[in-house]
Amino acid sequence: MRGAEGKREQFLTSPENYDKRIPVSRGKIIVVATNRKAYRDYHIIKTFEAGIVLLGNEVKSLRQRKVGMKDAYAKVVNGEVWLYNLHISPYEKECIHTDPERPRKLLLHKSEIKRLYGMVSEKGYTLIPLKIYFNERGVAKVELAVAKGKKQYEKKEELKRRIMEREMKEEGW
Protein backbone atom coordinates (compact mmCIF):
# COMPACT_ATOMS: atom_id res chain seq x y z
CA MET A 1 0.00 0.00 0.00
CA ARG A 2 1.26 3.39 -0.94
CA GLY A 3 0.53 6.96 -0.03
CA ALA A 4 -1.71 8.25 2.71
CA GLU A 5 -3.87 5.13 2.73
CA GLY A 6 -0.88 2.94 3.56
CA LYS A 7 0.19 5.25 6.41
CA ARG A 8 -3.33 5.21 7.82
CA GLU A 9 -3.46 1.42 7.71
CA GLN A 10 -0.04 1.22 9.37
CA PHE A 11 -1.18 3.65 12.11
CA LEU A 12 -4.32 1.65 12.83
CA THR A 13 -2.59 -1.73 12.97
CA SER A 14 0.58 -0.89 14.90
CA PRO A 15 0.35 -2.18 18.53
CA GLU A 16 1.45 1.07 20.18
CA ASN A 17 -1.55 2.89 18.67
CA TYR A 18 -4.30 0.48 19.76
CA ASP A 19 -5.53 2.76 22.54
CA LYS A 20 -5.57 5.81 20.21
CA ARG A 21 -7.91 4.22 17.69
CA ILE A 22 -11.49 5.38 17.53
CA PRO A 23 -13.78 2.37 16.99
CA VAL A 24 -15.94 2.49 13.87
CA SER A 25 -18.82 0.06 13.54
CA ARG A 26 -18.73 -2.03 10.40
CA GLY A 27 -21.79 -4.25 10.31
CA LYS A 28 -22.37 -4.31 14.07
CA ILE A 29 -24.01 -2.09 16.66
CA ILE A 30 -21.70 -0.31 19.12
CA VAL A 31 -23.48 0.93 22.25
CA VAL A 32 -21.82 4.13 23.44
CA ALA A 33 -23.83 4.93 26.58
CA THR A 34 -26.87 3.65 28.44
CA ASN A 35 -29.16 5.44 30.85
CA ARG A 36 -29.01 2.96 33.72
CA LYS A 37 -31.27 5.03 35.98
CA ALA A 38 -34.07 5.04 33.41
CA TYR A 39 -35.24 1.50 34.13
CA ARG A 40 -35.09 2.12 37.87
CA ASP A 41 -36.90 5.47 37.89
CA TYR A 42 -39.45 4.99 35.07
CA HIS A 43 -41.98 2.55 33.66
CA ILE A 44 -41.02 2.23 29.98
CA ILE A 45 -44.16 2.38 27.81
CA LYS A 46 -42.83 2.47 24.22
CA THR A 47 -39.44 2.93 22.56
CA PHE A 48 -38.44 4.72 19.37
CA GLU A 49 -35.21 4.94 17.39
CA ALA A 50 -34.17 8.47 16.44
CA GLY A 51 -31.24 9.98 14.61
CA ILE A 52 -29.34 12.79 16.31
CA VAL A 53 -27.85 15.95 14.79
CA LEU A 54 -24.24 16.28 15.95
CA LEU A 55 -21.15 18.29 15.08
CA GLY A 56 -18.02 16.50 13.85
CA ASN A 57 -16.12 16.85 17.11
CA GLU A 58 -19.15 15.53 19.03
CA VAL A 59 -19.16 12.38 16.91
CA LYS A 60 -15.49 11.83 17.72
CA SER A 61 -16.20 12.28 21.43
CA LEU A 62 -19.09 9.80 21.17
CA ARG A 63 -16.79 7.25 19.56
CA GLN A 64 -14.47 7.69 22.55
CA ARG A 65 -17.51 7.16 24.83
CA LYS A 66 -17.20 10.57 26.48
CA VAL A 67 -20.90 11.09 27.05
CA GLY A 68 -23.11 11.43 30.13
CA MET A 69 -26.85 10.79 30.10
CA LYS A 70 -27.63 11.80 33.67
CA ASP A 71 -30.85 13.86 33.80
CA ALA A 72 -31.21 13.81 30.00
CA TYR A 73 -34.72 14.19 28.59
CA ALA A 74 -36.44 15.09 25.32
CA LYS A 75 -39.26 17.50 24.48
CA VAL A 76 -41.46 18.10 21.46
CA VAL A 77 -41.14 21.80 20.55
CA ASN A 78 -42.85 23.27 17.46
CA GLY A 79 -43.15 19.89 15.76
CA GLU A 80 -39.50 18.98 16.41
CA VAL A 81 -38.00 16.73 19.08
CA TRP A 82 -35.07 18.16 21.06
CA LEU A 83 -32.77 16.37 23.50
CA TYR A 84 -31.72 18.33 26.60
CA ASN A 85 -29.01 17.81 29.27
CA LEU A 86 -27.07 15.24 27.25
CA HIS A 87 -23.44 15.91 28.15
CA ILE A 88 -20.93 15.21 25.36
CA SER A 89 -17.44 16.17 26.50
CA PRO A 90 -15.44 18.30 24.05
CA TYR A 91 -13.02 16.43 21.80
CA GLU A 92 -9.56 17.14 23.23
CA LYS A 93 -7.91 17.77 19.84
CA GLU A 94 -10.51 20.32 18.75
CA CYS A 95 -9.68 24.05 18.98
CA ILE A 96 -13.23 25.37 19.03
CA HIS A 97 -15.28 24.02 21.93
CA THR A 98 -19.07 24.16 21.98
CA ASP A 99 -21.41 23.92 24.95
CA PRO A 100 -21.29 20.25 26.07
CA GLU A 101 -24.96 20.29 27.13
CA ARG A 102 -26.45 22.21 24.22
CA PRO A 103 -29.89 21.08 23.01
CA ARG A 104 -29.61 18.57 20.17
CA LYS A 105 -32.24 17.93 17.53
CA LEU A 106 -33.56 14.39 17.12
CA LEU A 107 -34.57 13.12 13.69
CA LEU A 108 -37.92 11.33 13.47
CA HIS A 109 -40.70 11.02 10.89
CA LYS A 110 -43.60 13.46 11.28
CA SER A 111 -46.01 10.63 12.07
CA GLU A 112 -43.71 9.44 14.87
CA ILE A 113 -43.44 12.99 16.25
CA LYS A 114 -47.25 13.31 16.27
CA ARG A 115 -47.56 9.96 18.05
CA LEU A 116 -44.91 11.00 20.61
CA TYR A 117 -46.62 14.34 21.20
CA GLY A 118 -49.95 12.60 21.75
CA MET A 119 -48.44 10.20 24.28
CA VAL A 120 -46.36 12.80 26.13
CA SER A 121 -49.17 15.34 26.36
CA GLU A 122 -50.89 13.05 28.89
CA LYS A 123 -50.07 13.89 32.49
CA GLY A 124 -47.08 12.09 33.98
CA TYR A 125 -45.48 10.89 30.73
CA THR A 126 -42.07 12.04 29.56
CA LEU A 127 -39.47 11.30 26.87
CA ILE A 128 -36.15 9.92 28.07
CA PRO A 129 -33.15 8.55 26.15
CA LEU A 130 -32.32 4.93 27.01
CA LYS A 131 -29.11 4.51 25.03
CA ILE A 132 -26.90 6.08 22.39
CA TYR A 133 -25.31 3.80 19.83
CA PHE A 134 -23.81 3.59 16.36
CA ASN A 135 -25.86 1.38 14.04
CA GLU A 136 -24.53 -1.05 11.41
CA ARG A 137 -23.75 1.81 9.02
CA GLY A 138 -21.88 3.84 11.66
CA VAL A 139 -24.64 6.43 12.14
CA ALA A 140 -25.29 7.76 15.65
CA LYS A 141 -28.75 6.87 16.97
CA VAL A 142 -30.68 7.43 20.20
CA GLU A 143 -33.16 4.96 21.63
CA LEU A 144 -35.90 7.17 23.01
CA ALA A 145 -38.65 5.96 25.36
CA VAL A 146 -42.03 7.26 26.40
CA ALA A 147 -42.00 6.65 30.14
CA LYS A 148 -43.96 7.31 33.30
CA GLY A 149 -42.14 8.09 36.53
CA LYS A 150 -42.25 5.56 39.35
CA LYS A 151 -43.27 6.49 42.85
CA GLN A 152 -40.78 6.07 45.69
CA TYR A 153 -42.58 3.04 47.13
CA GLU A 154 -42.57 1.35 43.69
CA LYS A 155 -38.79 1.76 43.48
CA LYS A 156 -38.37 0.20 46.94
CA GLU A 157 -40.67 -2.72 46.09
CA GLU A 158 -38.76 -3.43 42.89
CA LEU A 159 -35.44 -3.31 44.74
CA LYS A 160 -36.75 -5.81 47.32
CA ARG A 161 -38.04 -8.07 44.55
CA ARG A 162 -34.65 -8.06 42.80
CA ILE A 163 -32.84 -8.87 46.04
CA MET A 164 -35.22 -11.79 46.68
CA GLU A 165 -34.72 -13.10 43.13
CA ARG A 166 -30.94 -12.85 43.49
CA GLU A 167 -31.01 -14.74 46.82
CA MET A 168 -33.23 -17.47 45.35
CA LYS A 169 -30.89 -17.81 42.39
CA GLU A 170 -27.88 -18.17 44.69
CA GLU A 171 -29.66 -20.85 46.75
CA GLY A 172 -30.36 -22.84 43.59
CA TRP A 173 -34.12 -22.36 43.16
C-alpha atoms as a PDB file:
ATOM      1  CA  MET A   1       0.000   0.000   0.000  1.00  0.00           C
ATOM      2  CA  ARG A   2       1.265   3.385  -0.937  1.00  0.00           C
ATOM      3  CA  GLY A   3       0.529   6.964  -0.031  1.00  0.00           C
ATOM      4  CA  ALA A   4      -1.706   8.250   2.708  1.00  0.00           C
ATOM      5  CA  GLU A   5      -3.872   5.131   2.735  1.00  0.00           C
ATOM      6  CA  GLY A   6      -0.884   2.943   3.563  1.00  0.00           C
ATOM      7  CA  LYS A   7       0.186   5.246   6.407  1.00  0.00           C
ATOM      8  CA  ARG A   8      -3.331   5.214   7.825  1.00  0.00           C
ATOM      9  CA  GLU A   9      -3.457   1.419   7.713  1.00  0.00           C
ATOM     10  CA  GLN A  10      -0.038   1.223   9.373  1.00  0.00           C
ATOM     11  CA  PHE A  11      -1.180   3.646  12.114  1.00  0.00           C
ATOM     12  CA  LEU A  12      -4.317   1.649  12.825  1.00  0.00           C
ATOM     13  CA  THR A  13      -2.592  -1.728  12.972  1.00  0.00           C
ATOM     14  CA  SER A  14       0.576  -0.889  14.902  1.00  0.00           C
ATOM     15  CA  PRO A  15       0.354  -2.178  18.525  1.00  0.00           C
ATOM     16  CA  GLU A  16       1.453   1.071  20.183  1.00  0.00           C
ATOM     17  CA  ASN A  17      -1.550   2.890  18.672  1.00  0.00           C
ATOM     18  CA  TYR A  18      -4.300   0.477  19.758  1.00  0.00           C
ATOM     19  CA  ASP A  19      -5.529   2.764  22.543  1.00  0.00           C
ATOM     20  CA  LYS A  20      -5.571   5.806  20.215  1.00  0.00           C
ATOM     21  CA  ARG A  21      -7.908   4.223  17.690  1.00  0.00           C
ATOM     22  CA  ILE A  22     -11.493   5.379  17.526  1.00  0.00           C
ATOM     23  CA  PRO A  23     -13.779   2.371  16.992  1.00  0.00           C
ATOM     24  CA  VAL A  24     -15.936   2.492  13.873  1.00  0.00           C
ATOM     25  CA  SER A  25     -18.817   0.060  13.538  1.00  0.00           C
ATOM     26  CA  ARG A  26     -18.726  -2.027  10.396  1.00  0.00           C
ATOM     27  CA  GLY A  27     -21.785  -4.248  10.312  1.00  0.00           C
ATOM     28  CA  LYS A  28     -22.373  -4.314  14.069  1.00  0.00           C
ATOM     29  CA  ILE A  29     -24.006  -2.090  16.662  1.00  0.00           C
ATOM     30  CA  ILE A  30     -21.699  -0.307  19.122  1.00  0.00           C
ATOM     31  CA  VAL A  31     -23.484   0.927  22.251  1.00  0.00           C
ATOM     32  CA  VAL A  32     -21.825   4.131  23.439  1.00  0.00           C
ATOM     33  CA  ALA A  33     -23.829   4.931  26.576  1.00  0.00           C
ATOM     34  CA  THR A  34     -26.868   3.651  28.436  1.00  0.00           C
ATOM     35  CA  ASN A  35     -29.162   5.439  30.845  1.00  0.00           C
ATOM     36  CA  ARG A  36     -29.014   2.964  33.720  1.00  0.00           C
ATOM     37  CA  LYS A  37     -31.273   5.030  35.982  1.00  0.00           C
ATOM     38  CA  ALA A  38     -34.071   5.045  33.413  1.00  0.00           C
ATOM     39  CA  TYR A  39     -35.242   1.499  34.130  1.00  0.00           C
ATOM     40  CA  ARG A  40     -35.089   2.122  37.869  1.00  0.00           C
ATOM     41  CA  ASP A  41     -36.899   5.471  37.886  1.00  0.00           C
ATOM     42  CA  TYR A  42     -39.450   4.992  35.073  1.00  0.00           C
ATOM     43  CA  HIS A  43     -41.984   2.546  33.657  1.00  0.00           C
ATOM     44  CA  ILE A  44     -41.024   2.230  29.977  1.00  0.00           C
ATOM     45  CA  ILE A  45     -44.156   2.383  27.806  1.00  0.00           C
ATOM     46  CA  LYS A  46     -42.832   2.468  24.217  1.00  0.00           C
ATOM     47  CA  THR A  47     -39.440   2.929  22.565  1.00  0.00           C
ATOM     48  CA  PHE A  48     -38.443   4.716  19.370  1.00  0.00           C
ATOM     49  CA  GLU A  49     -35.209   4.944  17.392  1.00  0.00           C
ATOM     50  CA  ALA A  50     -34.170   8.473  16.442  1.00  0.00           C
ATOM     51  CA  GLY A  51     -31.243   9.977  14.613  1.00  0.00           C
ATOM     52  CA  ILE A  52     -29.345  12.793  16.307  1.00  0.00           C
ATOM     53  CA  VAL A  53     -27.852  15.948  14.795  1.00  0.00           C
ATOM     54  CA  LEU A  54     -24.238  16.278  15.953  1.00  0.00           C
ATOM     55  CA  LEU A  55     -21.151  18.287  15.082  1.00  0.00           C
ATOM     56  CA  GLY A  56     -18.024  16.500  13.853  1.00  0.00           C
ATOM     57  CA  ASN A  57     -16.122  16.845  17.110  1.00  0.00           C
ATOM     58  CA  GLU A  58     -19.150  15.531  19.034  1.00  0.00           C
ATOM     59  CA  VAL A  59     -19.162  12.377  16.913  1.00  0.00           C
ATOM     60  CA  LYS A  60     -15.488  11.826  17.722  1.00  0.00           C
ATOM     61  CA  SER A  61     -16.205  12.284  21.432  1.00  0.00           C
ATOM     62  CA  LEU A  62     -19.086   9.798  21.168  1.00  0.00           C
ATOM     63  CA  ARG A  63     -16.791   7.248  19.556  1.00  0.00           C
ATOM     64  CA  GLN A  64     -14.468   7.686  22.547  1.00  0.00           C
ATOM     65  CA  ARG A  65     -17.513   7.158  24.825  1.00  0.00           C
ATOM     66  CA  LYS A  66     -17.203  10.571  26.483  1.00  0.00           C
ATOM     67  CA  VAL A  67     -20.897  11.086  27.053  1.00  0.00           C
ATOM     68  CA  GLY A  68     -23.112  11.434  30.128  1.00  0.00           C
ATOM     69  CA  MET A  69     -26.855  10.790  30.100  1.00  0.00           C
ATOM     70  CA  LYS A  70     -27.629  11.803  33.673  1.00  0.00           C
ATOM     71  CA  ASP A  71     -30.855  13.857  33.805  1.00  0.00           C
ATOM     72  CA  ALA A  72     -31.211  13.813  29.998  1.00  0.00           C
ATOM     73  CA  TYR A  73     -34.716  14.192  28.588  1.00  0.00           C
ATOM     74  CA  ALA A  74     -36.436  15.092  25.320  1.00  0.00           C
ATOM     75  CA  LYS A  75     -39.258  17.497  24.476  1.00  0.00           C
ATOM     76  CA  VAL A  76     -41.462  18.102  21.460  1.00  0.00           C
ATOM     77  CA  VAL A  77     -41.143  21.798  20.551  1.00  0.00           C
ATOM     78  CA  ASN A  78     -42.849  23.270  17.458  1.00  0.00           C
ATOM     79  CA  GLY A  79     -43.152  19.887  15.762  1.00  0.00           C
ATOM     80  CA  GLU A  80     -39.504  18.978  16.413  1.00  0.00           C
ATOM     81  CA  VAL A  81     -37.997  16.730  19.081  1.00  0.00           C
ATOM     82  CA  TRP A  82     -35.072  18.165  21.065  1.00  0.00           C
ATOM     83  CA  LEU A  83     -32.775  16.365  23.501  1.00  0.00           C
ATOM     84  CA  TYR A  84     -31.716  18.332  26.602  1.00  0.00           C
ATOM     85  CA  ASN A  85     -29.012  17.806  29.273  1.00  0.00           C
ATOM     86  CA  LEU A  86     -27.070  15.235  27.247  1.00  0.00           C
ATOM     87  CA  HIS A  87     -23.440  15.911  28.145  1.00  0.00           C
ATOM     88  CA  ILE A  88     -20.934  15.213  25.356  1.00  0.00           C
ATOM     89  CA  SER A  89     -17.440  16.169  26.499  1.00  0.00           C
ATOM     90  CA  PRO A  90     -15.441  18.295  24.046  1.00  0.00           C
ATOM     91  CA  TYR A  91     -13.019  16.430  21.803  1.00  0.00           C
ATOM     92  CA  GLU A  92      -9.564  17.141  23.233  1.00  0.00           C
ATOM     93  CA  LYS A  93      -7.906  17.772  19.844  1.00  0.00           C
ATOM     94  CA  GLU A  94     -10.509  20.323  18.750  1.00  0.00           C
ATOM     95  CA  CYS A  95      -9.683  24.046  18.981  1.00  0.00           C
ATOM     96  CA  ILE A  96     -13.235  25.373  19.035  1.00  0.00           C
ATOM     97  CA  HIS A  97     -15.281  24.021  21.932  1.00  0.00           C
ATOM     98  CA  THR A  98     -19.070  24.157  21.977  1.00  0.00           C
ATOM     99  CA  ASP A  99     -21.409  23.920  24.947  1.00  0.00           C
ATOM    100  CA  PRO A 100     -21.293  20.254  26.068  1.00  0.00           C
ATOM    101  CA  GLU A 101     -24.958  20.288  27.135  1.00  0.00           C
ATOM    102  CA  ARG A 102     -26.452  22.212  24.222  1.00  0.00           C
ATOM    103  CA  PRO A 103     -29.892  21.078  23.012  1.00  0.00           C
ATOM    104  CA  ARG A 104     -29.613  18.567  20.169  1.00  0.00           C
ATOM    105  CA  LYS A 105     -32.239  17.929  17.534  1.00  0.00           C
ATOM    106  CA  LEU A 106     -33.557  14.391  17.123  1.00  0.00           C
ATOM    107  CA  LEU A 107     -34.571  13.124  13.694  1.00  0.00           C
ATOM    108  CA  LEU A 108     -37.923  11.334  13.468  1.00  0.00           C
ATOM    109  CA  HIS A 109     -40.700  11.016  10.895  1.00  0.00           C
ATOM    110  CA  LYS A 110     -43.602  13.460  11.280  1.00  0.00           C
ATOM    111  CA  SER A 111     -46.010  10.631  12.068  1.00  0.00           C
ATOM    112  CA  GLU A 112     -43.712   9.437  14.871  1.00  0.00           C
ATOM    113  CA  ILE A 113     -43.443  12.985  16.253  1.00  0.00           C
ATOM    114  CA  LYS A 114     -47.245  13.310  16.269  1.00  0.00           C
ATOM    115  CA  ARG A 115     -47.560   9.961  18.055  1.00  0.00           C
ATOM    116  CA  LEU A 116     -44.906  11.002  20.605  1.00  0.00           C
ATOM    117  CA  TYR A 117     -46.615  14.342  21.197  1.00  0.00           C
ATOM    118  CA  GLY A 118     -49.952  12.602  21.751  1.00  0.00           C
ATOM    119  CA  MET A 119     -48.441  10.199  24.279  1.00  0.00           C
ATOM    120  CA  VAL A 120     -46.358  12.797  26.135  1.00  0.00           C
ATOM    121  CA  SER A 121     -49.171  15.344  26.363  1.00  0.00           C
ATOM    122  CA  GLU A 122     -50.887  13.047  28.886  1.00  0.00           C
ATOM    123  CA  LYS A 123     -50.066  13.885  32.488  1.00  0.00           C
ATOM    124  CA  GLY A 124     -47.080  12.087  33.978  1.00  0.00           C
ATOM    125  CA  TYR A 125     -45.481  10.894  30.732  1.00  0.00           C
ATOM    126  CA  THR A 126     -42.068  12.038  29.555  1.00  0.00           C
ATOM    127  CA  LEU A 127     -39.473  11.300  26.874  1.00  0.00           C
ATOM    128  CA  ILE A 128     -36.146   9.920  28.073  1.00  0.00           C
ATOM    129  CA  PRO A 129     -33.151   8.550  26.151  1.00  0.00           C
ATOM    130  CA  LEU A 130     -32.324   4.926  27.006  1.00  0.00           C
ATOM    131  CA  LYS A 131     -29.108   4.507  25.033  1.00  0.00           C
ATOM    132  CA  ILE A 132     -26.905   6.075  22.391  1.00  0.00           C
ATOM    133  CA  TYR A 133     -25.310   3.803  19.833  1.00  0.00           C
ATOM    134  CA  PHE A 134     -23.809   3.587  16.363  1.00  0.00           C
ATOM    135  CA  ASN A 135     -25.861   1.375  14.040  1.00  0.00           C
ATOM    136  CA  GLU A 136     -24.535  -1.047  11.408  1.00  0.00           C
ATOM    137  CA  ARG A 137     -23.754   1.814   9.017  1.00  0.00           C
ATOM    138  CA  GLY A 138     -21.877   3.835  11.656  1.00  0.00           C
ATOM    139  CA  VAL A 139     -24.639   6.428  12.142  1.00  0.00           C
ATOM    140  CA  ALA A 140     -25.291   7.764  15.653  1.00  0.00           C
ATOM    141  CA  LYS A 141     -28.745   6.868  16.969  1.00  0.00           C
ATOM    142  CA  VAL A 142     -30.675   7.432  20.196  1.00  0.00           C
ATOM    143  CA  GLU A 143     -33.162   4.956  21.632  1.00  0.00           C
ATOM    144  CA  LEU A 144     -35.904   7.172  23.006  1.00  0.00           C
ATOM    145  CA  ALA A 145     -38.645   5.960  25.361  1.00  0.00           C
ATOM    146  CA  VAL A 146     -42.026   7.255  26.397  1.00  0.00           C
ATOM    147  CA  ALA A 147     -41.998   6.651  30.143  1.00  0.00           C
ATOM    148  CA  LYS A 148     -43.964   7.308  33.299  1.00  0.00           C
ATOM    149  CA  GLY A 149     -42.137   8.089  36.526  1.00  0.00           C
ATOM    150  CA  LYS A 150     -42.252   5.560  39.349  1.00  0.00           C
ATOM    151  CA  LYS A 151     -43.275   6.492  42.846  1.00  0.00           C
ATOM    152  CA  GLN A 152     -40.783   6.073  45.687  1.00  0.00           C
ATOM    153  CA  TYR A 153     -42.576   3.036  47.125  1.00  0.00           C
ATOM    154  CA  GLU A 154     -42.571   1.351  43.694  1.00  0.00           C
ATOM    155  CA  LYS A 155     -38.793   1.759  43.476  1.00  0.00           C
ATOM    156  CA  LYS A 156     -38.374   0.205  46.938  1.00  0.00           C
ATOM    157  CA  GLU A 157     -40.666  -2.724  46.091  1.00  0.00           C
ATOM    158  CA  GLU A 158     -38.761  -3.427  42.887  1.00  0.00           C
ATOM    159  CA  LEU A 159     -35.438  -3.310  44.745  1.00  0.00           C
ATOM    160  CA  LYS A 160     -36.750  -5.812  47.322  1.00  0.00           C
ATOM    161  CA  ARG A 161     -38.043  -8.070  44.546  1.00  0.00           C
ATOM    162  CA  ARG A 162     -34.645  -8.060  42.795  1.00  0.00           C
ATOM    163  CA  ILE A 163     -32.839  -8.874  46.045  1.00  0.00           C
ATOM    164  CA  MET A 164     -35.221 -11.791  46.681  1.00  0.00           C
ATOM    165  CA  GLU A 165     -34.717 -13.097  43.126  1.00  0.00           C
ATOM    166  CA  ARG A 166     -30.941 -12.847  43.495  1.00  0.00           C
ATOM    167  CA  GLU A 167     -31.011 -14.743  46.816  1.00  0.00           C
ATOM    168  CA  MET A 168     -33.235 -17.467  45.354  1.00  0.00           C
ATOM    169  CA  LYS A 169     -30.893 -17.813  42.386  1.00  0.00           C
ATOM    170  CA  GLU A 170     -27.881 -18.170  44.689  1.00  0.00           C
ATOM    171  CA  GLU A 171     -29.663 -20.849  46.748  1.00  0.00           C
ATOM    172  CA  GLY A 172     -30.364 -22.840  43.587  1.00  0.00           C
ATOM    173  CA  TRP A 173     -34.119 -22.361  43.159  1.00  0.00           C
END
